[in-house]
Amino acid sequence: MELILTIALFAFSSGITPGPNNIMLMSSGVNFGVKRSLPHLFGICIGFPAMVLAIGLGLSAVFQSYPILHVIVKYVGISYLLYLAWLIANSSAKMNGKVTVTPLTFIQAAAFQWVNPKAWIMGIGAIATFTTMQQALAPQVITIVSVFFCVALPSAFVWLGFGVALKRILKNQRQQKIFNVSMALLLVLSIIPMIAP
């Protein structure tokens, strides 16, 4: 039980802090509201634990054997984050009577986890920290994945809720545009540590 609480604390501290998923969820809450953002939210909450499961069951060994794959995933992730930042900066919701961008779908959000560097760091860190070679690996990985799923859901709803609350504060198209550009810039700033050697 103590191990589960420790994993939960790790999952909460890494999942509630700002990162690409949370910034995009908050932006989706502002631009599209709760209902239209739910596929995005569930894509994160299911896609990330699925990625941690794959890491725990052997994918990290592939990256150790073929380091070029890690480099490729890193730069594909950075490119995709820049594209998402551009979409966020240029999105606008119904304040002007039309929708110019749609929220991420479940599949898009789940697939994004595979190119999200923060997700990789969290997943590899959890597997390396909370597993031991003295016990069967699969049950340990399943425990970690289960805890991450249970913690990811409320964390994601918090960030979506921030976005919905901000939507009430942003009274006009200009304010919403400033918010969207600010969120896009934060997303770009989150990439800087990934580029550094």
Foldseek 3Di string as FASTA:
>chain_A
DVLLVVLLVLLQVLQLDDALLLLLLLLCLLAPNDPQCVQLLLLQLVLLLVVLLVVLVDPVVVCVVPVVVVVVLAVVLLVVLLVVLVCLLPFHHCQVDDGDDGRDGSNRNSVSLSSGVSSVCSSVVSSVPQDDPVDDRNVSSVSSSVSSSVSSNVSSVVSSVNNNVVNVVQDHRVSSSVSSNVSSVVSNVSSVVSPDD
